[in-house]
Amino acid sequence: MQIPQRPGISQVHTGMKVVDRDGKEVGTVELVKMGDPQAATTDGQRSGRGPGFVPVLSDVFRDAEPDVPPVLAARLLRTGFVKVDGRGLFARDLYVAPDQVARIEDNVVHLSTDGGSLAKES
């Protein structure tokens, strides 16, 4: 058994199990995006697009992350986030903010909130 680590999304990696504050499995980590809490704006946080047809075409088929309303997206881009592949065949993906991580223990991300209060993918 590992000693519980202090929370921080820098310690989270793809494939980790995510459970809510009651121990109920929420899903599996799909993506970890580190933010810049000191940033005044979100400029530069989204991947830039170069000139030409191919980058424009790739934008059509690439999902922008995080796929949530703009105000929440701006906050998550600044603070960072963990995208969780929702549990179940028709479950939507979820987004976890760094302040919602209680601890990381035995390759499991334990949340400080219940799964129903997490931001859902649009």
C-alpha atoms as a PDB file:
ATOM      1  CA  MET A   1       0.000   0.000   0.000  1.00  0.00           C
ATOM      2  CA  GLN A   2       1.272   3.435  -0.923  1.00  0.00           C
ATOM      3  CA  ILE A   3       1.246   6.398   1.421  1.00  0.00           C
ATOM      4  CA  PRO A   4      -1.487   8.871   0.361  1.00  0.00           C
ATOM      5  CA  GLN A   5      -0.068  11.711  -1.712  1.00  0.00           C
ATOM      6  CA  ARG A   6      -1.132  15.299  -1.401  1.00  0.00           C
ATOM      7  CA  PRO A   7      -3.535  16.320  -4.168  1.00  0.00           C
ATOM      8  CA  GLY A   8      -2.229  17.656  -7.423  1.00  0.00           C
ATOM      9  CA  ILE A   9      -3.205  16.873 -10.976  1.00  0.00           C
ATOM     10  CA  SER A  10       0.482  16.647 -11.897  1.00  0.00           C
ATOM     11  CA  GLN A  11       0.405  13.258 -10.153  1.00  0.00           C
ATOM     12  CA  VAL A  12      -2.582  12.038 -12.182  1.00  0.00           C
ATOM     13  CA  HIS A  13      -2.054  10.023 -15.363  1.00  0.00           C
ATOM     14  CA  THR A  14      -4.155   8.400 -18.071  1.00  0.00           C
ATOM     15  CA  GLY A  15      -5.824   5.155 -17.066  1.00  0.00           C
ATOM     16  CA  MET A  16      -6.172   5.873 -13.345  1.00  0.00           C
ATOM     17  CA  LYS A  17      -9.499   5.008 -11.741  1.00  0.00           C
ATOM     18  CA  VAL A  18     -11.514   7.967 -10.382  1.00  0.00           C
ATOM     19  CA  VAL A  19     -13.871   7.641  -7.401  1.00  0.00           C
ATOM     20  CA  ASP A  20     -16.087  10.254  -5.773  1.00  0.00           C
ATOM     21  CA  ARG A  21     -16.094  11.204  -2.091  1.00  0.00           C
ATOM     22  CA  ASP A  22     -18.360   8.219  -1.294  1.00  0.00           C
ATOM     23  CA  GLY A  23     -16.026   5.756  -3.031  1.00  0.00           C
ATOM     24  CA  LYS A  24     -18.335   5.292  -6.033  1.00  0.00           C
ATOM     25  CA  GLU A  25     -16.412   4.800  -9.277  1.00  0.00           C
ATOM     26  CA  VAL A  26     -16.894   7.750 -11.624  1.00  0.00           C
ATOM     27  CA  GLY A  27     -14.719   6.569 -14.512  1.00  0.00           C
ATOM     28  CA  THR A  28     -11.145   6.472 -15.794  1.00  0.00           C
ATOM     29  CA  VAL A  29      -8.722   9.310 -16.493  1.00  0.00           C
ATOM     30  CA  GLU A  30      -8.670  10.019 -20.227  1.00  0.00           C
ATOM     31  CA  LEU A  31      -6.646  13.254 -20.317  1.00  0.00           C
ATOM     32  CA  VAL A  32      -4.690  15.495 -17.951  1.00  0.00           C
ATOM     33  CA  LYS A  33      -4.184  19.144 -18.926  1.00  0.00           C
ATOM     34  CA  MET A  34      -1.914  21.255 -16.765  1.00  0.00           C
ATOM     35  CA  GLY A  35      -2.947  24.889 -16.470  1.00  0.00           C
ATOM     36  CA  ASP A  36      -1.293  28.167 -15.587  1.00  0.00           C
ATOM     37  CA  PRO A  37      -3.100  29.595 -12.535  1.00  0.00           C
ATOM     38  CA  GLN A  38      -1.039  32.807 -12.750  1.00  0.00           C
ATOM     39  CA  ALA A  39      -2.205  33.523 -16.323  1.00  0.00           C
ATOM     40  CA  ALA A  40      -4.344  36.616 -16.754  1.00  0.00           C
ATOM     41  CA  THR A  41      -6.033  35.182 -19.864  1.00  0.00           C
ATOM     42  CA  THR A  42      -6.374  31.832 -21.601  1.00  0.00           C
ATOM     43  CA  ASP A  43      -4.451  33.037 -24.668  1.00  0.00           C
ATOM     44  CA  GLY A  44      -1.983  30.350 -25.677  1.00  0.00           C
ATOM     45  CA  GLN A  45      -3.705  27.641 -23.613  1.00  0.00           C
ATOM     46  CA  ARG A  46      -5.509  26.151 -26.608  1.00  0.00           C
ATOM     47  CA  SER A  47      -3.481  24.626 -29.408  1.00  0.00           C
ATOM     48  CA  GLY A  48      -2.778  27.113 -32.104  1.00  0.00           C
ATOM     49  CA  ARG A  49      -3.588  26.529 -35.732  1.00  0.00           C
ATOM     50  CA  GLY A  50      -1.121  27.141 -38.513  1.00  0.00           C
ATOM     51  CA  PRO A  51      -2.030  28.468 -41.953  1.00  0.00           C
ATOM     52  CA  GLY A  52      -3.440  26.293 -44.698  1.00  0.00           C
ATOM     53  CA  PHE A  53      -6.239  23.862 -45.409  1.00  0.00           C
ATOM     54  CA  VAL A  54      -5.047  20.857 -43.389  1.00  0.00           C
ATOM     55  CA  PRO A  55      -5.079  22.628 -39.976  1.00  0.00           C
ATOM     56  CA  VAL A  56      -8.554  24.032 -40.724  1.00  0.00           C
ATOM     57  CA  LEU A  57      -9.798  20.579 -41.701  1.00  0.00           C
ATOM     58  CA  SER A  58      -8.291  19.039 -38.570  1.00  0.00           C
ATOM     59  CA  ASP A  59     -10.176  21.601 -36.449  1.00  0.00           C
ATOM     60  CA  VAL A  60     -13.434  20.257 -37.859  1.00  0.00           C
ATOM     61  CA  PHE A  61     -12.668  16.717 -36.674  1.00  0.00           C
ATOM     62  CA  ARG A  62     -10.807  17.529 -33.453  1.00  0.00           C
ATOM     63  CA  ASP A  63     -12.703  18.165 -30.247  1.00  0.00           C
ATOM     64  CA  ALA A  64     -11.594  21.277 -28.396  1.00  0.00           C
ATOM     65  CA  GLU A  65     -10.832  20.562 -24.761  1.00  0.00           C
ATOM     66  CA  PRO A  66     -12.394  21.211 -22.410  1.00  0.00           C
ATOM     67  CA  ASP A  67     -15.777  20.795 -24.141  1.00  0.00           C
ATOM     68  CA  VAL A  68     -17.822  22.796 -21.620  1.00  0.00           C
ATOM     69  CA  PRO A  69     -19.459  26.259 -21.649  1.00  0.00           C
ATOM     70  CA  PRO A  70     -16.954  29.076 -22.372  1.00  0.00           C
ATOM     71  CA  VAL A  71     -16.775  30.567 -18.859  1.00  0.00           C
ATOM     72  CA  LEU A  72     -16.040  27.186 -17.293  1.00  0.00           C
ATOM     73  CA  ALA A  73     -13.649  26.295 -20.125  1.00  0.00           C
ATOM     74  CA  ALA A  74     -11.642  29.482 -19.449  1.00  0.00           C
ATOM     75  CA  ARG A  75     -11.397  28.613 -15.742  1.00  0.00           C
ATOM     76  CA  LEU A  76     -10.332  25.018 -16.420  1.00  0.00           C
ATOM     77  CA  LEU A  77      -7.729  26.125 -18.961  1.00  0.00           C
ATOM     78  CA  ARG A  78      -6.185  28.408 -16.333  1.00  0.00           C
ATOM     79  CA  THR A  79      -6.288  25.939 -13.445  1.00  0.00           C
ATOM     80  CA  GLY A  80      -5.844  22.717 -15.393  1.00  0.00           C
ATOM     81  CA  PHE A  81      -8.222  19.772 -15.441  1.00  0.00           C
ATOM     82  CA  VAL A  82      -8.601  16.026 -15.587  1.00  0.00           C
ATOM     83  CA  LYS A  83     -10.958  14.614 -18.215  1.00  0.00           C
ATOM     84  CA  VAL A  84     -12.669  11.446 -17.015  1.00  0.00           C
ATOM     85  CA  ASP A  85     -14.118   8.877 -19.378  1.00  0.00           C
ATOM     86  CA  GLY A  86     -17.543   8.424 -17.786  1.00  0.00           C
ATOM     87  CA  ARG A  87     -18.497   4.990 -16.554  1.00  0.00           C
ATOM     88  CA  GLY A  88     -21.101   3.196 -18.660  1.00  0.00           C
ATOM     89  CA  LEU A  89     -21.883   2.758 -22.334  1.00  0.00           C
ATOM     90  CA  PHE A  90     -23.779   6.025 -22.781  1.00  0.00           C
ATOM     91  CA  ALA A  91     -22.094   8.060 -20.021  1.00  0.00           C
ATOM     92  CA  ARG A  92     -20.769  11.491 -20.898  1.00  0.00           C
ATOM     93  CA  ASP A  93     -17.194  12.452 -20.130  1.00  0.00           C
ATOM     94  CA  LEU A  94     -16.588  14.547 -17.026  1.00  0.00           C
ATOM     95  CA  TYR A  95     -14.114  17.257 -16.040  1.00  0.00           C
ATOM     96  CA  VAL A  96     -12.395  17.464 -12.661  1.00  0.00           C
ATOM     97  CA  ALA A  97     -10.836  20.725 -11.475  1.00  0.00           C
ATOM     98  CA  PRO A  98      -7.655  20.508  -9.351  1.00  0.00           C
ATOM     99  CA  ASP A  99      -9.514  21.673  -6.223  1.00  0.00           C
ATOM    100  CA  GLN A 100     -11.872  18.677  -6.537  1.00  0.00           C
ATOM    101  CA  VAL A 101      -9.029  16.164  -6.028  1.00  0.00           C
ATOM    102  CA  ALA A 102      -8.880  15.074  -2.380  1.00  0.00           C
ATOM    103  CA  ARG A 103      -6.029  12.574  -2.640  1.00  0.00           C
ATOM    104  CA  ILE A 104      -4.266  10.099  -4.892  1.00  0.00           C
ATOM    105  CA  GLU A 105      -3.726   6.694  -3.387  1.00  0.00           C
ATOM    106  CA  ASP A 106      -2.942   3.251  -4.834  1.00  0.00           C
ATOM    107  CA  ASN A 107      -3.315   4.512  -8.435  1.00  0.00           C
ATOM    108  CA  VAL A 108      -6.806   5.872  -7.677  1.00  0.00           C
ATOM    109  CA  VAL A 109      -7.900   9.519  -7.817  1.00  0.00           C
ATOM    110  CA  HIS A 110     -10.195  10.240  -4.859  1.00  0.00           C
ATOM    111  CA  LEU A 111     -12.449  13.281  -5.278  1.00  0.00           C
ATOM    112  CA  SER A 112     -13.626  15.662  -2.585  1.00  0.00           C
ATOM    113  CA  THR A 113     -17.064  15.875  -4.205  1.00  0.00           C
ATOM    114  CA  ASP A 114     -19.735  13.550  -5.528  1.00  0.00           C
ATOM    115  CA  GLY A 115     -19.668  12.485  -9.177  1.00  0.00           C
ATOM    116  CA  GLY A 116     -22.955  14.249  -9.938  1.00  0.00           C
ATOM    117  CA  SER A 117     -21.441  17.672  -9.290  1.00  0.00           C
ATOM    118  CA  LEU A 118     -18.654  17.305 -11.896  1.00  0.00           C
ATOM    119  CA  ALA A 119     -18.817  19.315 -15.127  1.00  0.00           C
ATOM    120  CA  LYS A 120     -20.178  17.218 -17.987  1.00  0.00           C
ATOM    121  CA  GLU A 121     -18.918  17.326 -21.543  1.00  0.00           C
ATOM    122  CA  SER A 122     -21.159  19.370 -23.840  1.00  0.00           C
END
